[in-house]
Amino acid sequence: MTKIELAMARRGVSNIKLARTLGVSEGSTSAWKRGYVCVPKKHRQKLAETLGVKVEDILDARGLALLADEEGNCSEPL
């Protein structure tokens, strides 16, 4: 599970709601939250605000979703 997925679950934000809030496709948000593609810079701050977190808490420097282990520690996607 990624930090984006955890934040979405904690805030009760669905993939479709996140997509509509950010004005992107549901496929885009799905790929972002799984760490398959980078979140474009223009969407990073709004994404973090929507999820109630800091950008650096959910994304690495490239914009890829960080992974979370059981203890909440972050690592980069494989």
N, C-alpha and C. Protein backbone atom coordinates (compact mmCIF):
# COMPACT_ATOMS: atom_id res chain seq x y z
N MET A 1 0.86 -1.18 0.00
CA MET A 1 0.00 0.00 0.00
C MET A 1 0.90 1.24 0.00
N THR A 2 0.47 2.27 -0.71
CA THR A 2 1.25 3.51 -0.76
C THR A 2 0.70 4.53 0.23
N LYS A 3 1.51 5.56 0.46
CA LYS A 3 1.10 6.64 1.36
C LYS A 3 -0.14 7.36 0.82
N ILE A 4 -0.26 7.47 -0.50
CA ILE A 4 -1.46 8.09 -1.08
C ILE A 4 -2.69 7.25 -0.75
N GLU A 5 -2.58 5.94 -0.92
CA GLU A 5 -3.70 5.06 -0.62
C GLU A 5 -4.10 5.15 0.85
N LEU A 6 -3.11 5.19 1.73
CA LEU A 6 -3.40 5.31 3.16
C LEU A 6 -4.11 6.63 3.47
N ALA A 7 -3.61 7.71 2.91
CA ALA A 7 -4.21 9.02 3.15
C ALA A 7 -5.64 9.08 2.60
N MET A 8 -5.86 8.48 1.44
CA MET A 8 -7.20 8.44 0.88
C MET A 8 -8.15 7.67 1.80
N ALA A 9 -7.69 6.55 2.30
CA ALA A 9 -8.52 5.74 3.19
C ALA A 9 -8.84 6.49 4.49
N ARG A 10 -7.85 7.14 5.04
CA ARG A 10 -8.05 7.89 6.29
C ARG A 10 -9.03 9.03 6.11
N ARG A 11 -9.01 9.68 4.96
CA ARG A 11 -9.89 10.82 4.69
C ARG A 11 -11.21 10.41 4.05
N GLY A 12 -11.34 9.14 3.69
CA GLY A 12 -12.56 8.67 3.04
C GLY A 12 -12.72 9.22 1.63
N VAL A 13 -11.61 9.40 0.94
CA VAL A 13 -11.62 9.95 -0.42
C VAL A 13 -11.53 8.81 -1.42
N SER A 14 -12.51 8.69 -2.27
CA SER A 14 -12.50 7.65 -3.30
C SER A 14 -11.64 8.11 -4.49
N ASN A 15 -11.31 7.15 -5.33
CA ASN A 15 -10.51 7.45 -6.52
C ASN A 15 -11.26 8.44 -7.42
N ILE A 16 -12.54 8.24 -7.61
CA ILE A 16 -13.32 9.12 -8.48
C ILE A 16 -13.45 10.52 -7.87
N LYS A 17 -13.62 10.60 -6.56
CA LYS A 17 -13.71 11.91 -5.91
C LYS A 17 -12.39 12.66 -6.04
N LEU A 18 -11.29 11.96 -5.85
CA LEU A 18 -9.98 12.58 -6.00
C LEU A 18 -9.77 13.07 -7.43
N ALA A 19 -10.14 12.25 -8.39
CA ALA A 19 -10.00 12.63 -9.80
C ALA A 19 -10.83 13.88 -10.11
N ARG A 20 -12.05 13.91 -9.64
CA ARG A 20 -12.91 15.08 -9.90
C ARG A 20 -12.38 16.33 -9.23
N THR A 21 -11.88 16.20 -8.01
CA THR A 21 -11.34 17.34 -7.28
C THR A 21 -10.13 17.92 -8.01
N LEU A 22 -9.29 17.05 -8.57
CA LEU A 22 -8.07 17.50 -9.24
C LEU A 22 -8.27 17.79 -10.73
N GLY A 23 -9.44 17.43 -11.25
CA GLY A 23 -9.73 17.69 -12.66
C GLY A 23 -8.93 16.81 -13.61
N VAL A 24 -8.74 15.55 -13.20
CA VAL A 24 -8.00 14.58 -14.02
C VAL A 24 -8.85 13.32 -14.16
N SER A 25 -8.36 12.39 -14.97
CA SER A 25 -9.09 11.13 -15.14
C SER A 25 -8.89 10.22 -13.94
N GLU A 26 -9.84 9.32 -13.76
CA GLU A 26 -9.73 8.34 -12.69
C GLU A 26 -8.53 7.42 -12.92
N GLY A 27 -8.23 7.17 -14.18
CA GLY A 27 -7.05 6.36 -14.51
C GLY A 27 -5.76 7.02 -14.05
N SER A 28 -5.71 8.34 -14.16
CA SER A 28 -4.51 9.07 -13.71
C SER A 28 -4.32 8.91 -12.21
N THR A 29 -5.38 9.15 -11.44
CA THR A 29 -5.25 9.05 -10.00
C THR A 29 -4.94 7.62 -9.57
N SER A 30 -5.50 6.65 -10.28
CA SER A 30 -5.22 5.26 -9.97
C SER A 30 -3.73 4.95 -10.18
N ALA A 31 -3.18 5.41 -11.28
CA ALA A 31 -1.76 5.19 -11.57
C ALA A 31 -0.87 5.91 -10.57
N TRP A 32 -1.26 7.11 -10.18
CA TRP A 32 -0.48 7.87 -9.19
C TRP A 32 -0.44 7.14 -7.87
N LYS A 33 -1.62 6.73 -7.39
CA LYS A 33 -1.67 6.15 -6.05
C LYS A 33 -0.96 4.81 -5.97
N ARG A 34 -0.80 4.14 -7.09
CA ARG A 34 -0.08 2.86 -7.10
C ARG A 34 1.42 3.04 -7.35
N GLY A 35 1.83 4.28 -7.66
CA GLY A 35 3.24 4.56 -7.89
C GLY A 35 3.72 4.17 -9.28
N TYR A 36 2.80 3.99 -10.23
CA TYR A 36 3.17 3.61 -11.59
C TYR A 36 3.70 4.78 -12.40
N VAL A 37 3.18 5.97 -12.14
CA VAL A 37 3.62 7.18 -12.85
C VAL A 37 3.74 8.32 -11.85
N CYS A 38 4.53 9.31 -12.23
CA CYS A 38 4.72 10.47 -11.38
C CYS A 38 3.49 11.37 -11.41
N VAL A 39 3.20 11.99 -10.28
CA VAL A 39 2.15 13.00 -10.21
C VAL A 39 2.74 14.28 -10.82
N PRO A 40 2.10 14.86 -11.83
CA PRO A 40 2.62 16.10 -12.41
C PRO A 40 2.75 17.19 -11.34
N LYS A 41 3.78 17.99 -11.46
CA LYS A 41 4.05 19.04 -10.47
C LYS A 41 2.83 19.93 -10.24
N LYS A 42 2.08 20.22 -11.30
CA LYS A 42 0.94 21.12 -11.16
C LYS A 42 -0.18 20.55 -10.28
N HIS A 43 -0.17 19.24 -10.02
CA HIS A 43 -1.21 18.60 -9.21
C HIS A 43 -0.75 18.22 -7.80
N ARG A 44 0.53 18.29 -7.53
CA ARG A 44 1.07 17.78 -6.26
C ARG A 44 0.52 18.50 -5.03
N GLN A 45 0.52 19.81 -5.05
CA GLN A 45 0.07 20.56 -3.88
C GLN A 45 -1.42 20.34 -3.62
N LYS A 46 -2.23 20.37 -4.66
CA LYS A 46 -3.68 20.17 -4.51
C LYS A 46 -3.97 18.74 -4.03
N LEU A 47 -3.21 17.78 -4.53
CA LEU A 47 -3.34 16.40 -4.09
C LEU A 47 -3.09 16.31 -2.58
N ALA A 48 -1.98 16.88 -2.15
CA ALA A 48 -1.63 16.85 -0.73
C ALA A 48 -2.69 17.56 0.11
N GLU A 49 -3.13 18.72 -0.32
CA GLU A 49 -4.16 19.46 0.42
C GLU A 49 -5.44 18.66 0.53
N THR A 50 -5.84 18.03 -0.55
CA THR A 50 -7.07 17.23 -0.56
C THR A 50 -6.98 16.08 0.42
N LEU A 51 -5.78 15.53 0.57
CA LEU A 51 -5.58 14.38 1.45
C LEU A 51 -5.14 14.78 2.86
N GLY A 52 -4.95 16.07 3.08
CA GLY A 52 -4.60 16.56 4.41
C GLY A 52 -3.19 16.20 4.86
N VAL A 53 -2.27 16.15 3.90
CA VAL A 53 -0.88 15.80 4.19
C VAL A 53 0.06 16.77 3.47
N LYS A 54 1.35 16.64 3.74
CA LYS A 54 2.36 17.41 3.02
C LYS A 54 2.79 16.61 1.79
N VAL A 55 3.15 17.32 0.73
CA VAL A 55 3.60 16.65 -0.49
C VAL A 55 4.72 15.66 -0.20
N GLU A 56 5.71 16.09 0.58
CA GLU A 56 6.86 15.23 0.86
C GLU A 56 6.51 14.00 1.70
N ASP A 57 5.34 13.99 2.31
CA ASP A 57 4.91 12.83 3.10
C ASP A 57 4.34 11.71 2.23
N ILE A 58 3.94 12.04 1.00
CA ILE A 58 3.32 11.03 0.15
C ILE A 58 4.07 10.76 -1.15
N LEU A 59 4.95 11.70 -1.56
CA LEU A 59 5.66 11.57 -2.83
C LEU A 59 7.16 11.69 -2.65
N ASP A 60 7.91 10.96 -3.49
CA ASP A 60 9.36 11.15 -3.48
C ASP A 60 9.70 12.36 -4.35
N ALA A 61 10.97 12.65 -4.51
CA ALA A 61 11.41 13.84 -5.25
C ALA A 61 10.99 13.81 -6.72
N ARG A 62 10.77 12.62 -7.25
CA ARG A 62 10.35 12.49 -8.66
C ARG A 62 8.84 12.62 -8.83
N GLY A 63 8.12 12.54 -7.71
CA GLY A 63 6.66 12.61 -7.79
C GLY A 63 5.99 11.26 -7.73
N LEU A 64 6.75 10.20 -7.45
CA LEU A 64 6.17 8.87 -7.31
C LEU A 64 5.68 8.64 -5.90
N ALA A 65 4.60 7.89 -5.77
CA ALA A 65 4.03 7.59 -4.46
C ALA A 65 5.00 6.78 -3.62
N LEU A 66 5.13 7.16 -2.37
CA LEU A 66 5.95 6.42 -1.41
C LEU A 66 5.16 5.23 -0.87
N LEU A 67 5.87 4.17 -0.56
CA LEU A 67 5.23 3.00 0.04
C LEU A 67 5.24 3.13 1.55
N ALA A 68 4.31 2.43 2.20
CA ALA A 68 4.24 2.43 3.65
C ALA A 68 4.28 0.99 4.14
N ASP A 69 5.10 0.73 5.14
CA ASP A 69 5.10 -0.58 5.76
C ASP A 69 4.14 -0.56 6.96
N GLU A 70 4.08 -1.64 7.70
CA GLU A 70 3.13 -1.74 8.81
C GLU A 70 3.37 -0.67 9.87
N GLU A 71 4.59 -0.18 9.99
CA GLU A 71 4.91 0.81 11.00
C GLU A 71 4.76 2.24 10.48
N GLY A 72 4.34 2.37 9.21
CA GLY A 72 4.15 3.70 8.65
C GLY A 72 5.43 4.32 8.10
N ASN A 73 6.50 3.53 8.01
CA ASN A 73 7.74 4.05 7.44
C ASN A 73 7.63 4.07 5.92
N CYS A 74 8.36 4.97 5.30
CA CYS A 74 8.28 5.11 3.84
C CYS A 74 9.47 4.45 3.15
N SER A 75 9.22 3.98 1.96
CA SER A 75 10.26 3.52 1.08
C SER A 75 9.81 3.82 -0.34
N GLU A 76 10.70 3.71 -1.29
CA GLU A 76 10.33 4.00 -2.67
C GLU A 76 9.68 2.78 -3.31
N PRO A 77 8.82 3.00 -4.32
CA PRO A 77 8.20 1.87 -5.03
C PRO A 77 9.26 1.02 -5.72
N LEU A 78 8.94 -0.23 -5.95
CA LEU A 78 9.87 -1.13 -6.65
C LEU A 78 9.94 -0.78 -8.11
